[in-house]
Amino acid sequence: MSHFVLDDYVPSEEEVEVLVTRLSGHLLRLVQLAVTSKVDQQNQKASDLVKRARATRSVALTGDHSQDVGHLRRMAWTLEAFLERLVEIQCLKEAPRSVCALPGRTEEERALA
């Protein structure tokens, strides 16, 4: 999976807000998928990721850019781990190439990230 927020790129304050909103939505969808399919009841790691995703989504941005970028990265790590786990246990066929592309990057740049 592409490390879209885990690489050397530091998003601007505006981008952080947009990306946190997107990642929050993606995490919500994965939580709903895991709960609806009862994967969270059958797999401890998936259950832990549901809890982690819910906790991560509940954290508000602080207004401090470095703290907010850190939060964004934690959200991205959670999303990546969740996607990988759901693929491993065959709840998802495969993880999308790019769940949340960074603004200003071409498709080739995202593929190489």
PDB file of N, CA and C in Angstrom:
ATOM      1  N   MET A   1       0.848  -1.184   0.000  1.00  0.00           N
ATOM      2  CA  MET A   1       0.000   0.000   0.000  1.00  0.00           C
ATOM      3  C   MET A   1       0.888   1.239   0.000  1.00  0.00           C
ATOM      4  N   SER A   2       0.421   2.256  -0.608  1.00  0.00           N
ATOM      5  CA  SER A   2       1.137   3.520  -0.696  1.00  0.00           C
ATOM      6  C   SER A   2       1.113   4.240   0.646  1.00  0.00           C
ATOM      7  N   HIS A   3       2.256   4.763   1.042  1.00  0.00           N
ATOM      8  CA  HIS A   3       2.338   5.522   2.297  1.00  0.00           C
ATOM      9  C   HIS A   3       2.103   6.990   2.003  1.00  0.00           C
ATOM     10  N   PHE A   4       0.847   7.329   1.667  1.00  0.00           N
ATOM     11  CA  PHE A   4       0.504   8.663   1.203  1.00  0.00           C
ATOM     12  C   PHE A   4       0.736   9.753   2.222  1.00  0.00           C
ATOM     13  N   VAL A   5       0.635   9.489   3.502  1.00  0.00           N
ATOM     14  CA  VAL A   5       0.868  10.520   4.502  1.00  0.00           C
ATOM     15  C   VAL A   5       2.060  10.149   5.364  1.00  0.00           C
ATOM     16  N   LEU A   6       2.697   9.064   5.048  1.00  0.00           N
ATOM     17  CA  LEU A   6       3.783   8.594   5.890  1.00  0.00           C
ATOM     18  C   LEU A   6       5.143   8.916   5.295  1.00  0.00           C
ATOM     19  N   ASP A   7       5.167   9.464   4.104  1.00  0.00           N
ATOM     20  CA  ASP A   7       6.439   9.777   3.486  1.00  0.00           C
ATOM     21  C   ASP A   7       6.958  11.122   3.988  1.00  0.00           C
ATOM     22  N   ASP A   8       7.835  11.713   3.246  1.00  0.00           N
ATOM     23  CA  ASP A   8       8.471  12.966   3.668  1.00  0.00           C
ATOM     24  C   ASP A   8       7.602  14.193   3.450  1.00  0.00           C
ATOM     25  N   TYR A   9       6.472  14.041   2.828  1.00  0.00           N
ATOM     26  CA  TYR A   9       5.588  15.167   2.539  1.00  0.00           C
ATOM     27  C   TYR A   9       4.870  15.622   3.811  1.00  0.00           C
ATOM     28  N   VAL A  10       4.942  16.920   4.094  1.00  0.00           N
ATOM     29  CA  VAL A  10       4.209  17.486   5.228  1.00  0.00           C
ATOM     30  C   VAL A  10       3.101  18.367   4.659  1.00  0.00           C
ATOM     31  N   PRO A  11       1.847  17.937   4.833  1.00  0.00           N
ATOM     32  CA  PRO A  11       0.738  18.711   4.270  1.00  0.00           C
ATOM     33  C   PRO A  11       0.558  20.051   4.974  1.00  0.00           C
ATOM     34  N   SER A  12       0.004  20.999   4.239  1.00  0.00           N
ATOM     35  CA  SER A  12      -0.311  22.310   4.816  1.00  0.00           C
ATOM     36  C   SER A  12      -1.462  22.153   5.807  1.00  0.00           C
ATOM     37  N   GLU A  13      -1.738  23.207   6.555  1.00  0.00           N
ATOM     38  CA  GLU A  13      -2.843  23.161   7.522  1.00  0.00           C
ATOM     39  C   GLU A  13      -4.168  22.857   6.833  1.00  0.00           C
ATOM     40  N   GLU A  14      -4.377  23.470   5.668  1.00  0.00           N
ATOM     41  CA  GLU A  14      -5.626  23.237   4.934  1.00  0.00           C
ATOM     42  C   GLU A  14      -5.718  21.791   4.463  1.00  0.00           C
ATOM     43  N   GLU A  15      -4.596  21.261   3.970  1.00  0.00           N
ATOM     44  CA  GLU A  15      -4.578  19.872   3.514  1.00  0.00           C
ATOM     45  C   GLU A  15      -4.817  18.911   4.673  1.00  0.00           C
ATOM     46  N   VAL A  16      -4.266  19.233   5.839  1.00  0.00           N
ATOM     47  CA  VAL A  16      -4.473  18.375   7.011  1.00  0.00           C
ATOM     48  C   VAL A  16      -5.963  18.249   7.294  1.00  0.00           C
ATOM     49  N   GLU A  17      -6.670  19.360   7.281  1.00  0.00           N
ATOM     50  CA  GLU A  17      -8.117  19.321   7.549  1.00  0.00           C
ATOM     51  C   GLU A  17      -8.848  18.451   6.537  1.00  0.00           C
ATOM     52  N   VAL A  18      -8.513  18.627   5.261  1.00  0.00           N
ATOM     53  CA  VAL A  18      -9.163  17.847   4.201  1.00  0.00           C
ATOM     54  C   VAL A  18      -8.843  16.364   4.363  1.00  0.00           C
ATOM     55  N   LEU A  19      -7.571  16.051   4.591  1.00  0.00           N
ATOM     56  CA  LEU A  19      -7.157  14.655   4.705  1.00  0.00           C
ATOM     57  C   LEU A  19      -7.720  13.984   5.952  1.00  0.00           C
ATOM     58  N   VAL A  20      -7.782  14.702   7.061  1.00  0.00           N
ATOM     59  CA  VAL A  20      -8.372  14.132   8.276  1.00  0.00           C
ATOM     60  C   VAL A  20      -9.841  13.798   8.030  1.00  0.00           C
ATOM     61  N   THR A  21     -10.539  14.675   7.345  1.00  0.00           N
ATOM     62  CA  THR A  21     -11.946  14.409   7.028  1.00  0.00           C
ATOM     63  C   THR A  21     -12.079  13.173   6.151  1.00  0.00           C
ATOM     64  N   ARG A  22     -11.235  13.078   5.127  1.00  0.00           N
ATOM     65  CA  ARG A  22     -11.281  11.907   4.238  1.00  0.00           C
ATOM     66  C   ARG A  22     -10.943  10.623   4.986  1.00  0.00           C
ATOM     67  N   LEU A  23      -9.853  10.656   5.736  1.00  0.00           N
ATOM     68  CA  LEU A  23      -9.441   9.451   6.457  1.00  0.00           C
ATOM     69  C   LEU A  23     -10.483   9.036   7.479  1.00  0.00           C
ATOM     70  N   SER A  24     -11.093  10.004   8.119  1.00  0.00           N
ATOM     71  CA  SER A  24     -12.151   9.708   9.079  1.00  0.00           C
ATOM     72  C   SER A  24     -13.295   8.966   8.397  1.00  0.00           C
ATOM     73  N   GLY A  25     -13.663   9.412   7.211  1.00  0.00           N
ATOM     74  CA  GLY A  25     -14.715   8.745   6.451  1.00  0.00           C
ATOM     75  C   GLY A  25     -14.326   7.333   6.047  1.00  0.00           C
ATOM     76  N   HIS A  26     -13.077   7.164   5.610  1.00  0.00           N
ATOM     77  CA  HIS A  26     -12.601   5.832   5.234  1.00  0.00           C
ATOM     78  C   HIS A  26     -12.576   4.900   6.446  1.00  0.00           C
ATOM     79  N   LEU A  27     -12.115   5.413   7.575  1.00  0.00           N
ATOM     80  CA  LEU A  27     -12.100   4.597   8.794  1.00  0.00           C
ATOM     81  C   LEU A  27     -13.511   4.198   9.203  1.00  0.00           C
ATOM     82  N   LEU A  28     -14.442   5.133   9.101  1.00  0.00           N
ATOM     83  CA  LEU A  28     -15.832   4.835   9.437  1.00  0.00           C
ATOM     84  C   LEU A  28     -16.368   3.705   8.562  1.00  0.00           C
ATOM     85  N   ARG A  29     -16.071   3.765   7.268  1.00  0.00           N
ATOM     86  CA  ARG A  29     -16.546   2.714   6.363  1.00  0.00           C
ATOM     87  C   ARG A  29     -15.942   1.358   6.718  1.00  0.00           C
ATOM     88  N   LEU A  30     -14.669   1.331   7.081  1.00  0.00           N
ATOM     89  CA  LEU A  30     -14.047   0.059   7.459  1.00  0.00           C
ATOM     90  C   LEU A  30     -14.628  -0.475   8.763  1.00  0.00           C
ATOM     91  N   VAL A  31     -14.888   0.410   9.711  1.00  0.00           N
ATOM     92  CA  VAL A  31     -15.529  -0.010  10.963  1.00  0.00           C
ATOM     93  C   VAL A  31     -16.897  -0.606  10.655  1.00  0.00           C
ATOM     94  N   GLN A  32     -17.669   0.072   9.832  1.00  0.00           N
ATOM     95  CA  GLN A  32     -18.998  -0.433   9.478  1.00  0.00           C
ATOM     96  C   GLN A  32     -18.910  -1.788   8.786  1.00  0.00           C
ATOM     97  N   LEU A  33     -17.948  -1.954   7.898  1.00  0.00           N
ATOM     98  CA  LEU A  33     -17.759  -3.226   7.210  1.00  0.00           C
ATOM     99  C   LEU A  33     -17.405  -4.332   8.202  1.00  0.00           C
ATOM    100  N   ALA A  34     -16.467  -4.047   9.101  1.00  0.00           N
ATOM    101  CA  ALA A  34     -16.040  -5.054  10.075  1.00  0.00           C
ATOM    102  C   ALA A  34     -17.172  -5.439  11.017  1.00  0.00           C
ATOM    103  N   VAL A  35     -17.941  -4.468  11.457  1.00  0.00           N
ATOM    104  CA  VAL A  35     -19.040  -4.733  12.392  1.00  0.00           C
ATOM    105  C   VAL A  35     -20.187  -5.452  11.680  1.00  0.00           C
ATOM    106  N   THR A  36     -20.548  -4.985  10.502  1.00  0.00           N
ATOM    107  CA  THR A  36     -21.653  -5.592   9.749  1.00  0.00           C
ATOM    108  C   THR A  36     -21.354  -7.043   9.383  1.00  0.00           C
ATOM    109  N   SER A  37     -20.105  -7.309   9.003  1.00  0.00           N
ATOM    110  CA  SER A  37     -19.722  -8.671   8.621  1.00  0.00           C
ATOM    111  C   SER A  37     -19.336  -9.528   9.827  1.00  0.00           C
ATOM    112  N   LYS A  38     -19.363  -8.923  11.016  1.00  0.00           N
ATOM    113  CA  LYS A  38     -19.034  -9.586  12.280  1.00  0.00           C
ATOM    114  C   LYS A  38     -17.573 -10.052  12.366  1.00  0.00           C
ATOM    115  N   VAL A  39     -16.731  -9.490  11.516  1.00  0.00           N
ATOM    116  CA  VAL A  39     -15.308  -9.805  11.549  1.00  0.00           C
ATOM    117  C   VAL A  39     -14.705  -9.395  12.884  1.00  0.00           C
ATOM    118  N   ASP A  40     -15.204  -8.308  13.447  1.00  0.00           N
ATOM    119  CA  ASP A  40     -14.676  -7.834  14.732  1.00  0.00           C
ATOM    120  C   ASP A  40     -14.956  -8.824  15.856  1.00  0.00           C
ATOM    121  N   GLN A  41     -15.960  -9.678  15.698  1.00  0.00           N
ATOM    122  CA  GLN A  41     -16.277 -10.691  16.711  1.00  0.00           C
ATOM    123  C   GLN A  41     -15.489 -11.984  16.486  1.00  0.00           C
ATOM    124  N   GLN A  42     -14.976 -12.162  15.278  1.00  0.00           N
ATOM    125  CA  GLN A  42     -14.296 -13.403  14.923  1.00  0.00           C
ATOM    126  C   GLN A  42     -12.778 -13.277  14.928  1.00  0.00           C
ATOM    127  N   ASN A  43     -12.274 -12.067  14.947  1.00  0.00           N
ATOM    128  CA  ASN A  43     -10.843 -11.854  14.815  1.00  0.00           C
ATOM    129  C   ASN A  43     -10.410 -10.761  15.786  1.00  0.00           C
ATOM    130  N   GLN A  44      -9.544 -11.123  16.727  1.00  0.00           N
ATOM    131  CA  GLN A  44      -9.134 -10.178  17.771  1.00  0.00           C
ATOM    132  C   GLN A  44      -8.415  -8.962  17.203  1.00  0.00           C
ATOM    133  N   LYS A  45      -7.541  -9.180  16.227  1.00  0.00           N
ATOM    134  CA  LYS A  45      -6.812  -8.045  15.648  1.00  0.00           C
ATOM    135  C   LYS A  45      -7.781  -7.079  14.960  1.00  0.00           C
ATOM    136  N   ALA A  46      -8.770  -7.621  14.264  1.00  0.00           N
ATOM    137  CA  ALA A  46      -9.778  -6.765  13.626  1.00  0.00           C
ATOM    138  C   ALA A  46     -10.573  -6.014  14.684  1.00  0.00           C
ATOM    139  N   SER A  47     -10.896  -6.693  15.775  1.00  0.00           N
ATOM    140  CA  SER A  47     -11.614  -6.044  16.878  1.00  0.00           C
ATOM    141  C   SER A  47     -10.792  -4.894  17.456  1.00  0.00           C
ATOM    142  N   ASP A  48      -9.500  -5.140  17.644  1.00  0.00           N
ATOM    143  CA  ASP A  48      -8.610  -4.088  18.158  1.00  0.00           C
ATOM    144  C   ASP A  48      -8.541  -2.908  17.186  1.00  0.00           C
ATOM    145  N   LEU A  49      -8.527  -3.196  15.892  1.00  0.00           N
ATOM    146  CA  LEU A  49      -8.471  -2.127  14.893  1.00  0.00           C
ATOM    147  C   LEU A  49      -9.770  -1.339  14.838  1.00  0.00           C
ATOM    148  N   VAL A  50     -10.896  -1.997  15.075  1.00  0.00           N
ATOM    149  CA  VAL A  50     -12.175  -1.276  15.164  1.00  0.00           C
ATOM    150  C   VAL A  50     -12.103  -0.278  16.313  1.00  0.00           C
ATOM    151  N   LYS A  51     -11.616  -0.731  17.466  1.00  0.00           N
ATOM    152  CA  LYS A  51     -11.491   0.158  18.632  1.00  0.00           C
ATOM    153  C   LYS A  51     -10.520   1.298  18.344  1.00  0.00           C
ATOM    154  N   ARG A  52      -9.387   0.955  17.728  1.00  0.00           N
ATOM    155  CA  ARG A  52      -8.380   1.972  17.414  1.00  0.00           C
ATOM    156  C   ARG A  52      -8.922   2.992  16.411  1.00  0.00           C
ATOM    157  N   ALA A  53      -9.646   2.520  15.412  1.00  0.00           N
ATOM    158  CA  ALA A  53     -10.225   3.429  14.413  1.00  0.00           C
ATOM    159  C   ALA A  53     -11.240   4.360  15.059  1.00  0.00           C
ATOM    160  N   ARG A  54     -12.081   3.815  15.915  1.00  0.00           N
ATOM    161  CA  ARG A  54     -13.074   4.655  16.602  1.00  0.00           C
ATOM    162  C   ARG A  54     -12.390   5.693  17.482  1.00  0.00           C
ATOM    163  N   ALA A  55     -11.368   5.272  18.207  1.00  0.00           N
ATOM    164  CA  ALA A  55     -10.649   6.202  19.085  1.00  0.00           C
ATOM    165  C   ALA A  55      -9.948   7.286  18.269  1.00  0.00           C
ATOM    166  N   THR A  56      -9.318   6.893  17.190  1.00  0.00           N
ATOM    167  CA  THR A  56      -8.600   7.849  16.344  1.00  0.00           C
ATOM    168  C   THR A  56      -9.557   8.857  15.720  1.00  0.00           C
ATOM    169  N   ARG A  57     -10.714   8.374  15.276  1.00  0.00           N
ATOM    170  CA  ARG A  57     -11.706   9.273  14.669  1.00  0.00           C
ATOM    171  C   ARG A  57     -12.255  10.279  15.672  1.00  0.00           C
ATOM    172  N   SER A  58     -12.258   9.921  16.946  1.00  0.00           N
ATOM    173  CA  SER A  58     -12.870  10.789  17.957  1.00  0.00           C
ATOM    174  C   SER A  58     -11.968  11.947  18.385  1.00  0.00           C
ATOM    175  N   VAL A  59     -10.712  11.918  17.966  1.00  0.00           N
ATOM    176  CA  VAL A  59      -9.767  12.971  18.344  1.00  0.00           C
ATOM    177  C   VAL A  59      -9.952  14.176  17.426  1.00  0.00           C
ATOM    178  N   ALA A  60     -10.123  15.342  18.029  1.00  0.00           N
ATOM    179  CA  ALA A  60     -10.293  16.585  17.259  1.00  0.00           C
ATOM    180  C   ALA A  60      -8.931  17.209  16.959  1.00  0.00           C
ATOM    181  N   LEU A  61      -8.868  17.934  15.869  1.00  0.00           N
ATOM    182  CA  LEU A  61      -7.652  18.679  15.553  1.00  0.00           C
ATOM    183  C   LEU A  61      -7.438  19.750  16.615  1.00  0.00           C
ATOM    184  N   THR A  62      -6.171  19.991  16.938  1.00  0.00           N
ATOM    185  CA  THR A  62      -5.845  20.922  18.021  1.00  0.00           C
ATOM    186  C   THR A  62      -5.600  22.345  17.536  1.00  0.00           C
ATOM    187  N   GLY A  63      -5.278  22.483  16.245  1.00  0.00           N
ATOM    188  CA  GLY A  63      -4.884  23.797  15.738  1.00  0.00           C
ATOM    189  C   GLY A  63      -3.378  23.962  15.729  1.00  0.00           C
ATOM    190  N   ASP A  64      -2.662  23.051  16.380  1.00  0.00           N
ATOM    191  CA  ASP A  64      -1.204  23.041  16.351  1.00  0.00           C
ATOM    192  C   ASP A  64      -0.789  22.164  15.165  1.00  0.00           C
ATOM    193  N   HIS A  65      -0.149  22.768  14.171  1.00  0.00           N
ATOM    194  CA  HIS A  65       0.136  22.066  12.919  1.00  0.00           C
ATOM    195  C   HIS A  65       0.902  20.764  13.131  1.00  0.00           C
ATOM    196  N   SER A  66       1.962  20.779  13.927  1.00  0.00           N
ATOM    197  CA  SER A  66       2.761  19.559  14.103  1.00  0.00           C
ATOM    198  C   SER A  66       1.958  18.463  14.809  1.00  0.00           C
ATOM    199  N   GLN A  67       1.151  18.827  15.795  1.00  0.00           N
ATOM    200  CA  GLN A  67       0.307  17.832  16.464  1.00  0.00           C
ATOM    201  C   GLN A  67      -0.753  17.291  15.509  1.00  0.00           C
ATOM    202  N   ASP A  68      -1.314  18.164  14.701  1.00  0.00           N
ATOM    203  CA  ASP A  68      -2.345  17.738  13.758  1.00  0.00           C
ATOM    204  C   ASP A  68      -1.773  16.826  12.672  1.00  0.00           C
ATOM    205  N   VAL A  69      -0.549  17.111  12.209  1.00  0.00           N
ATOM    206  CA  VAL A  69       0.104  16.226  11.240  1.00  0.00           C
ATOM    207  C   VAL A  69       0.370  14.870  11.899  1.00  0.00           C
ATOM    208  N   GLY A  70       0.788  14.873  13.149  1.00  0.00           N
ATOM    209  CA  GLY A  70       0.980  13.614  13.878  1.00  0.00           C
ATOM    210  C   GLY A  70      -0.308  12.819  13.971  1.00  0.00           C
ATOM    211  N   HIS A  71      -1.403  13.500  14.255  1.00  0.00           N
ATOM    212  CA  HIS A  71      -2.709  12.837  14.319  1.00  0.00           C
ATOM    213  C   HIS A  71      -3.086  12.277  12.949  1.00  0.00           C
ATOM    214  N   LEU A  72      -2.852  13.054  11.910  1.00  0.00           N
ATOM    215  CA  LEU A  72      -3.132  12.601  10.549  1.00  0.00           C
ATOM    216  C   LEU A  72      -2.346  11.327  10.245  1.00  0.00           C
ATOM    217  N   ARG A  73      -1.092  11.297  10.618  1.00  0.00           N
ATOM    218  CA  ARG A  73      -0.268  10.105  10.378  1.00  0.00           C
ATOM    219  C   ARG A  73      -0.782   8.907  11.171  1.00  0.00           C
ATOM    220  N   ARG A  74      -1.208   9.126  12.408  1.00  0.00           N
ATOM    221  CA  ARG A  74      -1.783   8.020  13.198  1.00  0.00           C
ATOM    222  C   ARG A  74      -3.046   7.484  12.527  1.00  0.00           C
ATOM    223  N   MET A  75      -3.849   8.391  11.999  1.00  0.00           N
ATOM    224  CA  MET A  75      -5.048   7.956  11.271  1.00  0.00           C
ATOM    225  C   MET A  75      -4.650   7.119  10.053  1.00  0.00           C
ATOM    226  N   ALA A  76      -3.630   7.573   9.331  1.00  0.00           N
ATOM    227  CA  ALA A  76      -3.181   6.857   8.133  1.00  0.00           C
ATOM    228  C   ALA A  76      -2.640   5.481   8.497  1.00  0.00           C
ATOM    229  N   TRP A  77      -1.862   5.397   9.575  1.00  0.00           N
ATOM    230  CA  TRP A  77      -1.330   4.099  10.007  1.00  0.00           C
ATOM    231  C   TRP A  77      -2.464   3.149  10.389  1.00  0.00           C
ATOM    232  N   THR A  78      -3.452   3.680  11.070  1.00  0.00           N
ATOM    233  CA  THR A  78      -4.602   2.867  11.465  1.00  0.00           C
ATOM    234  C   THR A  78      -5.354   2.381  10.235  1.00  0.00           C
ATOM    235  N   LEU A  79      -5.576   3.278   9.293  1.00  0.00           N
ATOM    236  CA  LEU A  79      -6.272   2.914   8.063  1.00  0.00           C
ATOM    237  C   LEU A  79      -5.499   1.839   7.307  1.00  0.00           C
ATOM    238  N   GLU A  80      -4.200   2.027   7.180  1.00  0.00           N
ATOM    239  CA  GLU A  80      -3.372   1.057   6.466  1.00  0.00           C
ATOM    240  C   GLU A  80      -3.418  -0.311   7.146  1.00  0.00           C
ATOM    241  N   ALA A  81      -3.256  -0.342   8.462  1.00  0.00           N
ATOM    242  CA  ALA A  81      -3.294  -1.610   9.198  1.00  0.00           C
ATOM    243  C   ALA A  81      -4.657  -2.281   9.067  1.00  0.00           C
ATOM    244  N   PHE A  82      -5.708  -1.482   9.131  1.00  0.00           N
ATOM    245  CA  PHE A  82      -7.070  -2.000   9.027  1.00  0.00           C
ATOM    246  C   PHE A  82      -7.302  -2.615   7.644  1.00  0.00           C
ATOM    247  N   LEU A  83      -6.931  -1.887   6.598  1.00  0.00           N
ATOM    248  CA  LEU A  83      -7.080  -2.407   5.237  1.00  0.00           C
ATOM    249  C   LEU A  83      -6.307  -3.710   5.061  1.00  0.00           C
ATOM    250  N   GLU A  84      -5.055  -3.714   5.512  1.00  0.00           N
ATOM    251  CA  GLU A  84      -4.235  -4.915   5.379  1.00  0.00           C
ATOM    252  C   GLU A  84      -4.862  -6.097   6.112  1.00  0.00           C
ATOM    253  N   ARG A  85      -5.379  -5.855   7.299  1.00  0.00           N
ATOM    254  CA  ARG A  85      -5.985  -6.937   8.077  1.00  0.00           C
ATOM    255  C   ARG A  85      -7.238  -7.467   7.393  1.00  0.00           C
ATOM    256  N   LEU A  86      -8.079  -6.583   6.904  1.00  0.00           N
ATOM    257  CA  LEU A  86      -9.309  -7.022   6.247  1.00  0.00           C
ATOM    258  C   LEU A  86      -9.013  -7.806   4.969  1.00  0.00           C
ATOM    259  N   VAL A  87      -7.937  -7.454   4.274  1.00  0.00           N
ATOM    260  CA  VAL A  87      -7.528  -8.228   3.103  1.00  0.00           C
ATOM    261  C   VAL A  87      -6.990  -9.588   3.550  1.00  0.00           C
ATOM    262  N   GLU A  88      -6.161  -9.608   4.601  1.00  0.00           N
ATOM    263  CA  GLU A  88      -5.598 -10.866   5.110  1.00  0.00           C
ATOM    264  C   GLU A  88      -6.678 -11.873   5.485  1.00  0.00           C
ATOM    265  N   ILE A  89      -7.730 -11.401   6.113  1.00  0.00           N
ATOM    266  CA  ILE A  89      -8.782 -12.322   6.561  1.00  0.00           C
ATOM    267  C   ILE A  89      -9.898 -12.444   5.531  1.00  0.00           C
ATOM    268  N   GLN A  90      -9.638 -11.920   4.346  1.00  0.00           N
ATOM    269  CA  GLN A  90     -10.521 -12.031   3.186  1.00  0.00           C
ATOM    270  C   GLN A  90     -11.884 -11.377   3.387  1.00  0.00           C
ATOM    271  N   CYS A  91     -11.901 -10.335   4.177  1.00  0.00           N
ATOM    272  CA  CYS A  91     -13.113  -9.531   4.310  1.00  0.00           C
ATOM    273  C   CYS A  91     -13.190  -8.549   3.143  1.00  0.00           C
ATOM    274  N   LEU A  92     -12.034  -8.188   2.619  1.00  0.00           N
ATOM    275  CA  LEU A  92     -11.912  -7.373   1.405  1.00  0.00           C
ATOM    276  C   LEU A  92     -11.090  -8.173   0.411  1.00  0.00           C
ATOM    277  N   LYS A  93     -11.417  -8.036  -0.863  1.00  0.00           N
ATOM    278  CA  LYS A  93     -10.678  -8.761  -1.889  1.00  0.00           C
ATOM    279  C   LYS A  93      -9.256  -8.226  -2.002  1.00  0.00           C
ATOM    280  N   GLU A  94      -9.127  -6.907  -2.062  1.00  0.00           N
ATOM    281  CA  GLU A  94      -7.814  -6.270  -2.092  1.00  0.00           C
ATOM    282  C   GLU A  94      -7.952  -4.831  -1.648  1.00  0.00           C
ATOM    283  N   ALA A  95      -6.860  -4.287  -1.139  1.00  0.00           N
ATOM    284  CA  ALA A  95      -6.863  -2.894  -0.707  1.00  0.00           C
ATOM    285  C   ALA A  95      -6.789  -1.996  -1.932  1.00  0.00           C
ATOM    286  N   PRO A  96      -7.490  -0.870  -1.899  1.00  0.00           N
ATOM    287  CA  PRO A  96      -7.390   0.077  -3.010  1.00  0.00           C
ATOM    288  C   PRO A  96      -5.958   0.567  -3.153  1.00  0.00           C
ATOM    289  N   ARG A  97      -5.558   0.887  -4.387  1.00  0.00           N
ATOM    290  CA  ARG A  97      -4.189   1.402  -4.607  1.00  0.00           C
ATOM    291  C   ARG A  97      -3.944   2.672  -3.816  1.00  0.00           C
ATOM    292  N   SER A  98      -4.897   3.556  -3.818  1.00  0.00           N
ATOM    293  CA  SER A  98      -4.741   4.808  -3.098  1.00  0.00           C
ATOM    294  C   SER A  98      -6.090   5.197  -2.519  1.00  0.00           C
ATOM    295  N   VAL A  99      -6.202   5.090  -1.228  1.00  0.00           N
ATOM    296  CA  VAL A  99      -7.456   5.441  -0.568  1.00  0.00           C
ATOM    297  C   VAL A  99      -7.632   6.944  -0.554  1.00  0.00           C
ATOM    298  N   CYS A 100      -6.556   7.642  -0.344  1.00  0.00           N
ATOM    299  CA  CYS A 100      -6.649   9.091  -0.172  1.00  0.00           C
ATOM    300  C   CYS A 100      -5.397   9.739  -0.738  1.00  0.00           C
ATOM    301  N   ALA A 101      -5.467  10.166  -1.960  1.00  0.00           N
ATOM    302  CA  ALA A 101      -4.310  10.764  -2.608  1.00  0.00           C
ATOM    303  C   ALA A 101      -4.079  12.178  -2.093  1.00  0.00           C
ATOM    304  N   LEU A 102      -2.811  12.528  -2.001  1.00  0.00           N
ATOM    305  CA  LEU A 102      -2.474  13.884  -1.584  1.00  0.00           C
ATOM    306  C   LEU A 102      -2.738  14.859  -2.715  1.00  0.00           C
ATOM    307  N   PRO A 103      -3.262  16.030  -2.385  1.00  0.00           N
ATOM    308  CA  PRO A 103      -3.477  17.046  -3.410  1.00  0.00           C
ATOM    309  C   PRO A 103      -2.150  17.437  -4.047  1.00  0.00           C
ATOM    310  N   GLY A 104      -2.186  17.748  -5.327  1.00  0.00           N
ATOM    311  CA  GLY A 104      -0.993  18.239  -5.987  1.00  0.00           C
ATOM    312  C   GLY A 104      -0.060  17.164  -6.495  1.00  0.00           C
ATOM    313  N   ARG A 105      -0.377  15.910  -6.301  1.00  0.00           N
ATOM    314  CA  ARG A 105       0.479  14.841  -6.789  1.00  0.00           C
ATOM    315  C   ARG A 105      -0.166  14.192  -8.003  1.00  0.00           C
ATOM    316  N   THR A 106       0.684  13.830  -8.963  1.00  0.00           N
ATOM    317  CA  THR A 106       0.178  13.133 -10.141  1.00  0.00           C
ATOM    318  C   THR A 106      -0.068  11.678  -9.789  1.00  0.00           C
ATOM    319  N   GLU A 107      -0.779  10.980 -10.647  1.00  0.00           N
ATOM    320  CA  GLU A 107      -1.050   9.557 -10.430  1.00  0.00           C
ATOM    321  C   GLU A 107       0.259   8.771 -10.378  1.00  0.00           C
ATOM    322  N   GLU A 108       1.246   9.131 -11.236  1.00  0.00           N
ATOM    323  CA  GLU A 108       2.536   8.445 -11.226  1.00  0.00           C
ATOM    324  C   GLU A 108       3.272   8.665  -9.907  1.00  0.00           C
ATOM    325  N   GLU A 109       3.241   9.882  -9.388  1.00  0.00           N
ATOM    326  CA  GLU A 109       3.903  10.168  -8.113  1.00  0.00           C
ATOM    327  C   GLU A 109       3.264   9.371  -6.988  1.00  0.00           C
ATOM    328  N   ARG A 110       1.935   9.263  -7.009  1.00  0.00           N
ATOM    329  CA  ARG A 110       1.253   8.487  -5.975  1.00  0.00           C
ATOM    330  C   ARG A 110       1.600   7.011  -6.102  1.00  0.00           C
ATOM    331  N   ALA A 111       1.728   6.503  -7.321  1.00  0.00           N
ATOM    332  CA  ALA A 111       2.052   5.092  -7.538  1.00  0.00           C
ATOM    333  C   ALA A 111       3.459   4.776  -7.050  1.00  0.00           C
ATOM    334  N   LEU A 112       4.366   5.740  -7.152  1.00  0.00           N
ATOM    335  CA  LEU A 112       5.744   5.531  -6.717  1.00  0.00           C
ATOM    336  C   LEU A 112       5.926   5.717  -5.220  1.00  0.00           C
ATOM    337  N   ALA A 113       4.980   6.358  -4.570  1.00  0.00           N
ATOM    338  CA  ALA A 113       5.116   6.656  -3.136  1.00  0.00           C
ATOM    339  C   ALA A 113       5.077   5.389  -2.314  1.00  0.00           C
TER     340      ALA A 113
END
